[in-house]
Amino acid sequence: MQAPAVLVMLLVASGCRSSPGPTNESSVASSPVVLKDTSPNQLRVFVGLTLGAYDSSTRDRALIHVSFRADGRPVKFAADEAVTCNEIPLNRFIGAFEATFSRTMIEGETVRCRYSYGQRSAPIAFGVPWGLVILSPREHESVTASPQTTVDYRAAADAMPWVVALGSRSKAWTRPDATTSTRATVDTSALRGAGSIFLTQQFDLKDIQAQQFQSIAGRVTSMTVVAVTWVQ
């Protein structure tokens, strides 16, 4: 199930920032820079971690994106620089390296990455929080539309999630005062037919270490979805 375009507009309207990835660190207006010295003390590191997706076929995946900048510009590596995480090579792009992992492999664990340049290397490590899981309603469940439909979920404690419910022709989302760290209440009384419930959560990646680099920062975006049918 693909997320409809209206969801993107809803999340922007509710204050959702773009997920971490190439658009944050490598696909920017500033032109890439080629460095003669690509040692860690010349580089600023950003780790983007995306847990899940708005697609039921990919919601169990995670994307690790590690990007490098120097003097505010993405670094275009021209030699044999590489990044591995948990000994798995990441794909190289201009200014960044990334790869997809199974969420079950990394959630609740410490991911240990290594940036290699020439014959040397430098470690980057970060703890991966648990991603969003919708506990109720369940996938393909028939849900009675009502002014107070409850959505139960597992979420990280770092930020409140956004909850959006879609029907065949209309949509609804939770108010901040109707959202807690484990449950949200949504007015779904106007929803009909085949629909979905989407959850999104964003917060800074806190448990991150890369002492040899100029600086280190990170951002987590967690997403999930279930398909439901709204009934009267």
C-alpha atoms as a PDB file:
ATOM      1  CA  MET A   1       0.000   0.000   0.000  1.00  0.00           C
ATOM      2  CA  GLN A   2       1.486   3.299  -1.111  1.00  0.00           C
ATOM      3  CA  ALA A   3       0.971   6.457   0.939  1.00  0.00           C
ATOM      4  CA  PRO A   4      -1.289   8.929  -0.887  1.00  0.00           C
ATOM      5  CA  ALA A   5       0.005  12.364  -1.768  1.00  0.00           C
ATOM      6  CA  VAL A   6      -2.456  13.989   0.615  1.00  0.00           C
ATOM      7  CA  LEU A   7      -0.544  12.487   3.543  1.00  0.00           C
ATOM      8  CA  VAL A   8       2.537  14.507   2.709  1.00  0.00           C
ATOM      9  CA  MET A   9       0.500  17.712   2.763  1.00  0.00           C
ATOM     10  CA  LEU A  10      -1.071  16.713   6.063  1.00  0.00           C
ATOM     11  CA  LEU A  11       2.268  16.106   7.717  1.00  0.00           C
ATOM     12  CA  VAL A  12       3.646  19.412   6.488  1.00  0.00           C
ATOM     13  CA  ALA A  13       0.585  21.192   7.808  1.00  0.00           C
ATOM     14  CA  SER A  14       0.979  19.514  11.201  1.00  0.00           C
ATOM     15  CA  GLY A  15       4.589  20.678  11.513  1.00  0.00           C
ATOM     16  CA  CYS A  16       6.390  17.534  10.371  1.00  0.00           C
ATOM     17  CA  ARG A  17       9.885  18.233   9.120  1.00  0.00           C
ATOM     18  CA  SER A  18      11.454  16.296   6.294  1.00  0.00           C
ATOM     19  CA  SER A  19      13.008  12.978   7.171  1.00  0.00           C
ATOM     20  CA  PRO A  20      16.776  12.718   7.452  1.00  0.00           C
ATOM     21  CA  GLY A  21      18.457  11.586   4.298  1.00  0.00           C
ATOM     22  CA  PRO A  22      20.192  12.843   1.196  1.00  0.00           C
ATOM     23  CA  THR A  23      18.031  15.994   0.976  1.00  0.00           C
ATOM     24  CA  ASN A  24      19.262  17.073   4.422  1.00  0.00           C
ATOM     25  CA  GLU A  25      22.983  16.764   3.905  1.00  0.00           C
ATOM     26  CA  SER A  26      24.054  15.919   0.350  1.00  0.00           C
ATOM     27  CA  SER A  27      21.401  17.221  -2.071  1.00  0.00           C
ATOM     28  CA  VAL A  28      21.764  20.892  -1.201  1.00  0.00           C
ATOM     29  CA  ALA A  29      22.332  24.027  -3.243  1.00  0.00           C
ATOM     30  CA  SER A  30      25.991  24.386  -2.238  1.00  0.00           C
ATOM     31  CA  SER A  31      28.390  22.639  -4.580  1.00  0.00           C
ATOM     32  CA  PRO A  32      30.389  19.650  -3.317  1.00  0.00           C
ATOM     33  CA  VAL A  33      33.994  20.117  -2.304  1.00  0.00           C
ATOM     34  CA  VAL A  34      36.867  17.715  -3.004  1.00  0.00           C
ATOM     35  CA  LEU A  35      39.349  17.576  -0.134  1.00  0.00           C
ATOM     36  CA  LYS A  36      42.961  16.522  -0.345  1.00  0.00           C
ATOM     37  CA  ASP A  37      42.796  15.616   3.327  1.00  0.00           C
ATOM     38  CA  THR A  38      39.700  13.587   4.218  1.00  0.00           C
ATOM     39  CA  SER A  39      40.771  12.704   7.740  1.00  0.00           C
ATOM     40  CA  PRO A  40      38.024  12.875  10.398  1.00  0.00           C
ATOM     41  CA  ASN A  41      39.231  16.146  11.937  1.00  0.00           C
ATOM     42  CA  GLN A  42      38.355  17.866   8.642  1.00  0.00           C
ATOM     43  CA  LEU A  43      34.769  16.580   8.591  1.00  0.00           C
ATOM     44  CA  ARG A  44      31.407  17.221  10.203  1.00  0.00           C
ATOM     45  CA  VAL A  45      29.170  14.164  10.395  1.00  0.00           C
ATOM     46  CA  PHE A  46      25.391  13.871  10.251  1.00  0.00           C
ATOM     47  CA  VAL A  47      23.625  10.541  10.885  1.00  0.00           C
ATOM     48  CA  GLY A  48      20.092  10.260   9.552  1.00  0.00           C
ATOM     49  CA  LEU A  49      18.108   7.281  10.782  1.00  0.00           C
ATOM     50  CA  THR A  50      14.741   6.405   9.237  1.00  0.00           C
ATOM     51  CA  LEU A  51      12.773   3.625  10.911  1.00  0.00           C
ATOM     52  CA  GLY A  52       9.857   2.229   8.925  1.00  0.00           C
ATOM     53  CA  ALA A  53       7.894   3.726   6.044  1.00  0.00           C
ATOM     54  CA  TYR A  54       4.407   4.765   4.916  1.00  0.00           C
ATOM     55  CA  ASP A  55       4.199   1.547   2.932  1.00  0.00           C
ATOM     56  CA  SER A  56       3.194  -1.765   4.479  1.00  0.00           C
ATOM     57  CA  SER A  57       5.750  -3.591   2.313  1.00  0.00           C
ATOM     58  CA  THR A  58       8.689  -1.538   3.636  1.00  0.00           C
ATOM     59  CA  ARG A  59       7.625  -0.516   7.150  1.00  0.00           C
ATOM     60  CA  ASP A  60       9.904  -3.180   8.657  1.00  0.00           C
ATOM     61  CA  ARG A  61      13.019  -1.617   7.114  1.00  0.00           C
ATOM     62  CA  ALA A  62      15.428   1.024   8.381  1.00  0.00           C
ATOM     63  CA  LEU A  63      17.632   3.432   6.439  1.00  0.00           C
ATOM     64  CA  ILE A  64      20.998   4.539   7.818  1.00  0.00           C
ATOM     65  CA  HIS A  65      22.358   7.658   6.119  1.00  0.00           C
ATOM     66  CA  VAL A  66      25.790   9.039   7.073  1.00  0.00           C
ATOM     67  CA  SER A  67      26.814  12.313   5.446  1.00  0.00           C
ATOM     68  CA  PHE A  68      29.957  14.445   5.622  1.00  0.00           C
ATOM     69  CA  ARG A  69      30.473  18.182   5.227  1.00  0.00           C
ATOM     70  CA  ALA A  70      33.427  20.542   5.264  1.00  0.00           C
ATOM     71  CA  ASP A  71      33.060  24.326   5.568  1.00  0.00           C
ATOM     72  CA  GLY A  72      29.314  23.941   5.100  1.00  0.00           C
ATOM     73  CA  ARG A  73      29.593  22.008   1.840  1.00  0.00           C
ATOM     74  CA  PRO A  74      29.035  18.310   1.098  1.00  0.00           C
ATOM     75  CA  VAL A  75      32.242  16.376   0.556  1.00  0.00           C
ATOM     76  CA  LYS A  76      32.741  14.628  -2.771  1.00  0.00           C
ATOM     77  CA  PHE A  77      35.037  11.743  -1.985  1.00  0.00           C
ATOM     78  CA  ALA A  78      37.476  11.011  -4.807  1.00  0.00           C
ATOM     79  CA  ALA A  79      39.581   8.234  -3.320  1.00  0.00           C
ATOM     80  CA  ASP A  80      38.756   4.978  -1.554  1.00  0.00           C
ATOM     81  CA  GLU A  81      36.777   6.430   1.364  1.00  0.00           C
ATOM     82  CA  ALA A  82      34.080   4.105   2.649  1.00  0.00           C
ATOM     83  CA  VAL A  83      31.645   3.601   5.512  1.00  0.00           C
ATOM     84  CA  THR A  84      30.518   0.316   7.021  1.00  0.00           C
ATOM     85  CA  CYS A  85      27.904  -0.171   9.730  1.00  0.00           C
ATOM     86  CA  ASN A  86      27.874  -3.434  11.658  1.00  0.00           C
ATOM     87  CA  GLU A  87      30.432  -4.553   9.060  1.00  0.00           C
ATOM     88  CA  ILE A  88      27.979  -3.986   6.189  1.00  0.00           C
ATOM     89  CA  PRO A  89      29.241  -1.600   3.449  1.00  0.00           C
ATOM     90  CA  LEU A  90      27.071   1.465   2.808  1.00  0.00           C
ATOM     91  CA  ASN A  91      26.439   2.708  -0.724  1.00  0.00           C
ATOM     92  CA  ARG A  92      28.387   5.855  -1.596  1.00  0.00           C
ATOM     93  CA  PHE A  93      26.788   9.039  -2.937  1.00  0.00           C
ATOM     94  CA  ILE A  94      28.065  12.597  -3.202  1.00  0.00           C
ATOM     95  CA  GLY A  95      28.603  13.658   0.380  1.00  0.00           C
ATOM     96  CA  ALA A  96      26.935  10.623   1.902  1.00  0.00           C
ATOM     97  CA  PHE A  97      26.785   6.888   2.438  1.00  0.00           C
ATOM     98  CA  GLU A  98      23.605   4.923   3.100  1.00  0.00           C
ATOM     99  CA  ALA A  99      22.094   1.454   3.224  1.00  0.00           C
ATOM    100  CA  THR A 100      18.882  -0.288   4.198  1.00  0.00           C
ATOM    101  CA  PHE A 101      18.709  -2.658   7.171  1.00  0.00           C
ATOM    102  CA  SER A 102      16.041  -4.757   8.812  1.00  0.00           C
ATOM    103  CA  ARG A 103      14.544  -2.911  11.777  1.00  0.00           C
ATOM    104  CA  THR A 104      14.735  -6.072  13.873  1.00  0.00           C
ATOM    105  CA  MET A 105      18.515  -6.155  13.339  1.00  0.00           C
ATOM    106  CA  ILE A 106      19.219  -2.716  14.773  1.00  0.00           C
ATOM    107  CA  GLU A 107      16.345  -1.445  16.950  1.00  0.00           C
ATOM    108  CA  GLY A 108      17.308  -1.286  20.605  1.00  0.00           C
ATOM    109  CA  GLU A 109      20.933  -1.961  19.701  1.00  0.00           C
ATOM    110  CA  THR A 110      24.117   0.057  19.239  1.00  0.00           C
ATOM    111  CA  VAL A 111      25.144   0.363  15.602  1.00  0.00           C
ATOM    112  CA  ARG A 112      28.901   0.520  15.147  1.00  0.00           C
ATOM    113  CA  CYS A 113      30.071   2.184  11.956  1.00  0.00           C
ATOM    114  CA  ARG A 114      33.542   2.824  10.644  1.00  0.00           C
ATOM    115  CA  TYR A 115      34.682   5.539   8.276  1.00  0.00           C
ATOM    116  CA  SER A 116      37.732   4.366   6.294  1.00  0.00           C
ATOM    117  CA  TYR A 117      40.146   6.645   4.459  1.00  0.00           C
ATOM    118  CA  GLY A 118      43.348   5.223   3.040  1.00  0.00           C
ATOM    119  CA  GLN A 119      44.893   2.860   5.559  1.00  0.00           C
ATOM    120  CA  ARG A 120      43.149   4.509   8.511  1.00  0.00           C
ATOM    121  CA  SER A 121      39.668   4.517   9.966  1.00  0.00           C
ATOM    122  CA  ALA A 122      37.553   6.244  12.604  1.00  0.00           C
ATOM    123  CA  PRO A 123      34.565   4.865  14.538  1.00  0.00           C
ATOM    124  CA  ILE A 124      31.017   6.242  14.598  1.00  0.00           C
ATOM    125  CA  ALA A 125      28.571   4.623  17.007  1.00  0.00           C
ATOM    126  CA  PHE A 126      24.966   5.365  17.894  1.00  0.00           C
ATOM    127  CA  GLY A 127      22.127   3.765  19.787  1.00  0.00           C
ATOM    128  CA  VAL A 128      19.008   2.982  17.782  1.00  0.00           C
ATOM    129  CA  PRO A 129      15.675   3.667  19.503  1.00  0.00           C
ATOM    130  CA  TRP A 130      12.645   1.455  19.068  1.00  0.00           C
ATOM    131  CA  GLY A 131      10.557   2.510  16.090  1.00  0.00           C
ATOM    132  CA  LEU A 132       6.833   3.074  15.932  1.00  0.00           C
ATOM    133  CA  VAL A 133       4.479   0.101  16.072  1.00  0.00           C
ATOM    134  CA  ILE A 134       0.688   0.397  15.906  1.00  0.00           C
ATOM    135  CA  LEU A 135      -0.784  -2.054  18.416  1.00  0.00           C
ATOM    136  CA  SER A 136      -4.445  -1.279  17.772  1.00  0.00           C
ATOM    137  CA  PRO A 137      -6.249  -1.216  15.367  1.00  0.00           C
ATOM    138  CA  ARG A 138      -4.524  -4.085  13.631  1.00  0.00           C
ATOM    139  CA  GLU A 139      -3.749  -4.525   9.957  1.00  0.00           C
ATOM    140  CA  HIS A 140      -6.888  -5.007   7.799  1.00  0.00           C
ATOM    141  CA  GLU A 141      -9.195  -4.628  10.804  1.00  0.00           C
ATOM    142  CA  SER A 142     -12.717  -3.238  10.367  1.00  0.00           C
ATOM    143  CA  VAL A 143     -12.936  -0.196  12.635  1.00  0.00           C
ATOM    144  CA  THR A 144     -16.147   1.512  13.667  1.00  0.00           C
ATOM    145  CA  ALA A 145     -15.907   5.195  12.776  1.00  0.00           C
ATOM    146  CA  SER A 146     -16.624   7.334  15.835  1.00  0.00           C
ATOM    147  CA  PRO A 147     -15.821  10.689  17.450  1.00  0.00           C
ATOM    148  CA  GLN A 148     -13.338   8.952  19.743  1.00  0.00           C
ATOM    149  CA  THR A 149     -11.421   6.254  17.930  1.00  0.00           C
ATOM    150  CA  THR A 150      -8.399   5.183  19.969  1.00  0.00           C
ATOM    151  CA  VAL A 151      -5.073   4.284  18.386  1.00  0.00           C
ATOM    152  CA  ASP A 152      -2.642   2.429  20.637  1.00  0.00           C
ATOM    153  CA  TYR A 153       1.026   2.267  19.731  1.00  0.00           C
ATOM    154  CA  ARG A 154       4.581   1.812  20.915  1.00  0.00           C
ATOM    155  CA  ALA A 155       6.623   4.976  20.470  1.00  0.00           C
ATOM    156  CA  ALA A 156       9.932   6.403  21.640  1.00  0.00           C
ATOM    157  CA  ALA A 157       9.658   8.734  24.620  1.00  0.00           C
ATOM    158  CA  ASP A 158      11.603  11.517  22.878  1.00  0.00           C
ATOM    159  CA  ALA A 159       8.653  13.164  21.085  1.00  0.00           C
ATOM    160  CA  MET A 160       4.909  12.795  20.646  1.00  0.00           C
ATOM    161  CA  PRO A 161       3.923  11.101  17.382  1.00  0.00           C
ATOM    162  CA  TRP A 162       1.620  12.559  14.741  1.00  0.00           C
ATOM    163  CA  VAL A 163      -1.408  10.389  13.978  1.00  0.00           C
ATOM    164  CA  VAL A 164      -3.320  10.761  10.710  1.00  0.00           C
ATOM    165  CA  ALA A 165      -6.346   8.671   9.712  1.00  0.00           C
ATOM    166  CA  LEU A 166      -7.493   8.496   6.097  1.00  0.00           C
ATOM    167  CA  GLY A 167     -10.743   7.247   4.623  1.00  0.00           C
ATOM    168  CA  SER A 168     -11.726   6.821   0.997  1.00  0.00           C
ATOM    169  CA  ARG A 169     -12.695  10.510   0.680  1.00  0.00           C
ATOM    170  CA  SER A 170     -11.772  12.290   3.888  1.00  0.00           C
ATOM    171  CA  LYS A 171      -9.129  12.517   6.591  1.00  0.00           C
ATOM    172  CA  ALA A 172      -8.658  13.229  10.288  1.00  0.00           C
ATOM    173  CA  TRP A 173      -5.756  13.791  12.641  1.00  0.00           C
ATOM    174  CA  THR A 174      -5.234  14.064  16.359  1.00  0.00           C
ATOM    175  CA  ARG A 175      -4.997  17.243  18.391  1.00  0.00           C
ATOM    176  CA  PRO A 176      -1.954  17.607  20.667  1.00  0.00           C
ATOM    177  CA  ASP A 177      -4.154  17.391  23.767  1.00  0.00           C
ATOM    178  CA  ALA A 178      -5.532  14.048  22.546  1.00  0.00           C
ATOM    179  CA  THR A 179      -2.109  12.433  22.088  1.00  0.00           C
ATOM    180  CA  THR A 180       0.044  10.661  24.678  1.00  0.00           C
ATOM    181  CA  SER A 181       3.199   8.575  24.426  1.00  0.00           C
ATOM    182  CA  THR A 182       1.126   5.384  24.030  1.00  0.00           C
ATOM    183  CA  ARG A 183      -2.335   6.380  22.770  1.00  0.00           C
ATOM    184  CA  ALA A 184      -4.118   8.925  20.590  1.00  0.00           C
ATOM    185  CA  THR A 185      -7.803   9.685  20.141  1.00  0.00           C
ATOM    186  CA  VAL A 186      -9.058  10.620  16.665  1.00  0.00           C
ATOM    187  CA  ASP A 187     -12.454  11.806  15.466  1.00  0.00           C
ATOM    188  CA  THR A 188     -13.037   9.354  12.601  1.00  0.00           C
ATOM    189  CA  SER A 189     -16.809   9.813  12.389  1.00  0.00           C
ATOM    190  CA  ALA A 190     -16.541  11.193   8.834  1.00  0.00           C
ATOM    191  CA  LEU A 191     -14.355   8.377   7.493  1.00  0.00           C
ATOM    192  CA  ARG A 192     -15.759   5.666   5.241  1.00  0.00           C
ATOM    193  CA  GLY A 193     -14.508   2.610   3.400  1.00  0.00           C
ATOM    194  CA  ALA A 194     -10.920   1.535   2.778  1.00  0.00           C
ATOM    195  CA  GLY A 195      -8.441   3.639   4.670  1.00  0.00           C
ATOM    196  CA  SER A 196      -5.236   3.808   6.679  1.00  0.00           C
ATOM    197  CA  ILE A 197      -3.748   5.040   9.922  1.00  0.00           C
ATOM    198  CA  PHE A 198      -0.321   6.676   9.685  1.00  0.00           C
ATOM    199  CA  LEU A 199       2.064   7.487  12.530  1.00  0.00           C
ATOM    200  CA  THR A 200       5.136   9.724  12.361  1.00  0.00           C
ATOM    201  CA  GLN A 201       7.688  10.693  14.973  1.00  0.00           C
ATOM    202  CA  GLN A 202      10.824  12.864  14.712  1.00  0.00           C
ATOM    203  CA  PHE A 203      13.529  13.705  17.230  1.00  0.00           C
ATOM    204  CA  ASP A 204      17.271  14.198  17.585  1.00  0.00           C
ATOM    205  CA  LEU A 205      19.521  11.169  17.716  1.00  0.00           C
ATOM    206  CA  LYS A 206      21.056  11.547  21.168  1.00  0.00           C
ATOM    207  CA  ASP A 207      23.189   8.486  21.856  1.00  0.00           C
ATOM    208  CA  ILE A 208      25.862   9.120  19.216  1.00  0.00           C
ATOM    209  CA  GLN A 209      29.655   9.067  19.423  1.00  0.00           C
ATOM    210  CA  ALA A 210      32.323  10.094  16.907  1.00  0.00           C
ATOM    211  CA  GLN A 211      35.125  11.726  18.857  1.00  0.00           C
ATOM    212  CA  GLN A 212      37.625  12.006  16.017  1.00  0.00           C
ATOM    213  CA  PHE A 213      35.393  14.208  13.848  1.00  0.00           C
ATOM    214  CA  GLN A 214      34.884  17.989  14.000  1.00  0.00           C
ATOM    215  CA  SER A 215      31.284  17.552  15.077  1.00  0.00           C
ATOM    216  CA  ILE A 216      28.498  14.996  15.074  1.00  0.00           C
ATOM    217  CA  ALA A 217      24.713  15.313  14.920  1.00  0.00           C
ATOM    218  CA  GLY A 218      21.828  13.049  14.075  1.00  0.00           C
ATOM    219  CA  ARG A 219      18.094  12.913  13.490  1.00  0.00           C
ATOM    220  CA  VAL A 220      15.538  10.106  13.726  1.00  0.00           C
ATOM    221  CA  THR A 221      12.361   9.813  11.681  1.00  0.00           C
ATOM    222  CA  SER A 222      10.073   6.932  12.589  1.00  0.00           C
ATOM    223  CA  MET A 223       7.063   6.004  10.446  1.00  0.00           C
ATOM    224  CA  THR A 224       4.497   3.238  10.212  1.00  0.00           C
ATOM    225  CA  VAL A 225       1.061   2.506   8.767  1.00  0.00           C
ATOM    226  CA  VAL A 226      -1.786   0.019   8.989  1.00  0.00           C
ATOM    227  CA  ALA A 227      -4.574  -0.510   6.471  1.00  0.00           C
ATOM    228  CA  VAL A 228      -8.100  -0.534   7.921  1.00  0.00           C
ATOM    229  CA  THR A 229     -11.705  -0.405   6.758  1.00  0.00           C
ATOM    230  CA  TRP A 230     -13.948   2.243   8.309  1.00  0.00           C
ATOM    231  CA  VAL A 231     -17.479   0.999   9.007  1.00  0.00           C
ATOM    232  CA  GLN A 232     -20.609   2.530  10.576  1.00  0.00           C
END
